[in-house]
Protein backbone atom coordinates (compact mmCIF):
# COMPACT_ATOMS: atom_id res chain seq x y z
CA MET A 1 0.00 0.00 0.00
CA LEU A 2 1.18 3.52 -0.76
CA TYR A 3 0.25 6.70 1.08
CA VAL A 4 -0.08 9.83 -1.02
CA GLU A 5 0.57 13.43 -0.18
CA ARG A 6 -1.39 16.06 -2.11
CA ASP A 7 -0.93 19.76 -2.81
CA GLY A 8 -3.59 22.41 -2.24
CA GLU A 9 -5.18 21.60 -5.61
CA GLY A 10 -5.50 17.89 -4.86
CA ARG A 11 -2.61 16.69 -7.05
CA ILE A 12 -0.30 13.99 -5.78
CA ILE A 13 3.08 15.50 -4.92
CA ALA A 14 4.67 12.59 -3.03
CA MET A 15 4.24 8.93 -2.12
CA HIS A 16 5.28 7.17 1.06
CA SER A 17 5.42 3.54 2.12
CA THR A 18 4.02 4.40 5.56
CA PRO A 19 1.40 6.93 6.64
CA LYS A 20 2.72 10.43 7.34
CA GLN A 21 1.12 13.54 8.81
CA ASN A 22 0.23 14.89 5.37
CA ALA A 23 -0.07 11.50 3.70
CA SER A 24 -2.71 9.21 5.15
CA GLU A 25 -4.68 8.44 1.97
CA GLU A 26 -4.04 4.86 0.84
CA LYS A 27 -3.55 3.94 -2.81
CA THR A 28 -2.47 0.76 -4.56
CA VAL A 29 0.48 0.57 -6.92
CA VAL A 30 -1.87 0.07 -9.88
CA ASP A 31 -4.12 3.07 -9.11
CA GLU A 32 -4.46 5.34 -12.15
CA GLU A 33 -3.43 8.45 -10.20
CA ILE A 34 -0.31 6.68 -8.94
CA LEU A 35 0.60 5.50 -12.43
CA ASP A 36 0.08 9.01 -13.85
CA PHE A 37 2.24 10.50 -11.08
CA LEU A 38 5.00 7.98 -11.73
CA ASN A 39 4.91 8.57 -15.49
CA LYS A 40 5.30 12.33 -14.95
CA THR A 41 7.85 12.38 -12.14
CA VAL A 42 9.82 9.15 -12.10
CA SER A 43 12.49 7.94 -14.50
CA ALA A 44 12.00 4.86 -16.65
CA ASP A 45 14.56 3.00 -14.52
CA SER A 46 12.60 3.75 -11.36
CA ARG A 47 9.40 2.53 -12.99
CA LYS A 48 11.18 -0.68 -13.94
CA LEU A 49 12.32 -1.07 -10.34
CA LEU A 50 8.75 -0.58 -9.13
CA LEU A 51 7.58 -3.21 -11.59
CA SER A 52 10.29 -5.60 -10.39
CA LEU A 53 9.21 -5.10 -6.78
CA SER A 54 5.65 -5.83 -7.81
CA ASP A 55 6.84 -8.94 -9.66
CA MET A 56 8.48 -10.24 -6.48
CA GLY A 57 5.19 -9.94 -4.63
CA ILE A 58 3.34 -11.74 -7.41
CA ILE A 59 5.93 -14.51 -7.47
CA ARG A 60 5.53 -15.03 -3.74
CA LEU A 61 1.75 -15.02 -4.14
CA LEU A 62 1.98 -17.70 -6.85
CA GLU A 63 4.28 -19.81 -4.67
CA ASP A 64 1.79 -19.62 -1.81
CA LEU A 65 -1.08 -20.43 -4.18
CA ILE A 66 0.75 -23.50 -5.53
CA ASP A 67 1.48 -24.65 -1.97
CA LEU A 68 -2.18 -24.21 -1.02
CA LEU A 69 -3.42 -26.12 -4.08
CA ILE A 70 -1.03 -28.95 -3.27
CA GLN A 71 -2.07 -29.01 0.42
CA LYS A 72 -5.74 -29.15 -0.58
CA ASN A 73 -5.01 -31.95 -3.08
CA VAL A 74 -6.37 -29.86 -5.95
CA ILE A 75 -3.13 -30.50 -7.79
CA PHE A 76 -0.41 -33.01 -7.06
CA TYR A 77 3.21 -31.90 -6.95
CA THR A 78 4.21 -34.94 -8.99
CA GLU A 79 1.81 -33.93 -11.78
CA LEU A 80 3.75 -30.73 -12.40
CA PRO A 81 6.39 -30.85 -15.13
CA GLU A 82 9.79 -31.87 -13.82
CA SER A 83 11.23 -28.43 -14.65
CA ALA A 84 8.48 -26.77 -12.57
CA GLN A 85 9.16 -29.16 -9.68
CA ASN A 86 12.87 -28.29 -9.83
CA LYS A 87 12.16 -24.55 -9.81
CA ILE A 88 9.78 -24.88 -6.87
CA ARG A 89 12.33 -26.94 -4.92
CA GLU A 90 15.11 -24.42 -5.68
CA ARG A 91 12.94 -21.47 -4.56
CA LYS A 92 11.93 -23.25 -1.33
CA ARG A 93 15.56 -24.02 -0.50
CA LEU A 94 16.63 -20.47 -1.27
CA ARG A 95 13.79 -18.95 0.77
CA GLU A 96 14.65 -21.19 3.74
CA LYS A 97 18.30 -20.07 3.62
CA VAL A 98 17.53 -16.38 3.14
CA ASN A 99 14.74 -16.18 5.71
CA PRO A 100 14.08 -19.31 7.72
CA GLN A 101 11.11 -17.68 9.49
CA THR A 102 7.72 -17.83 7.85
CA LEU A 103 7.23 -14.91 5.47
CA THR A 104 3.75 -14.23 4.18
CA VAL A 105 2.58 -12.49 1.05
CA ASP A 106 1.39 -9.56 3.19
CA ASP A 107 4.99 -9.02 4.33
CA ILE A 108 6.04 -8.41 0.73
CA ILE A 109 3.15 -6.59 -0.78
C-alpha cells in the first residue's frame, strides 16, 4: 500500500510507504493516479524497479497459491512438469536459507 501526499489543488506530490502527517490516503500501486504521477515524475529505470518489486510480490503469491493447491489436493506436486518441480524446490531451498522464518505475502506486498 502507498500513502499519497497532495498539494492544495489535490494533485499527488509525493508517495510514502508508511502513513505520514500529510499522507494518510491509501492507494495501490496500480491506481491510475499513482501511475500518472509515476509517469510524470519518475524515470523509466525507477518505474522498472517498481515493476520488479511488484513482480516479487506476485511470485511469492503464486508460490503460496501452488502450496495451497497442493495441500488441498487440488493438484499433485508430482503432476507438475519436472522443470516446474525443480524450480519450486530451488525457490523453497533459497527462501529457507535467506529467511528461515515464515514470510507471508502480506509481508512483501
